[in-house]
């Protein structure tokens, strides 16, 4: 029985990561394939091939991102984006949603941004208990008027789903900056400490 249990565990250790990876890839490809809906029926691959071609939506999405990125990287494109932002800012409900999403995306994806560039060790949720968090910036606006000293904004993810978590503002001196990369820290959090980061 012990040998059977050992083989069962060994099989799970091989099959589970492969199955989950395939499921995630299938979901991503299926989601991006929805991009094909923007094409006229006569332009879609199944019209020419007679069957659905999985993954073509991924290529189309990449092509759209590259074209839009290329256009907005020059002076004319930047002016068009500014004009579009001003236009959206005049629409009452859309304005608040768009501005919030744009601020977050600019912070996360901008090469000059500092969000999620640093992993830190913090005492959370009480002294003596430590966890990993990610520096997202510094407190601003009215909040900064009430914080005396050097504070940083930190996102503390939950395990094993890091998309949920807590936003806290901590003294910089209370955060231990880690040398591990953000990817290594995320793996450590998602794996519940099973996948240990390498020593730097």
Foldseek 3Di string as FASTA:
>chain_A
DVVVVVVVVVVCVPPVVVVVVVVVVVVVQVVLVCQCVVPPPCPAPCNVVVDHDTPVSVVVVVVVVVVLVVQCVDPVNVVVVVVVLVVQCVDPPSNVVVVVVVVVCCQPPPPPHQWLFWKWWAAPPDPPRIAIWTFSAFDDDPVVVPDPAAKTWIWGAAELDRVDTDIDIDHPVRIHIDPDGSVQRNVCRNVVNPRHDDDD
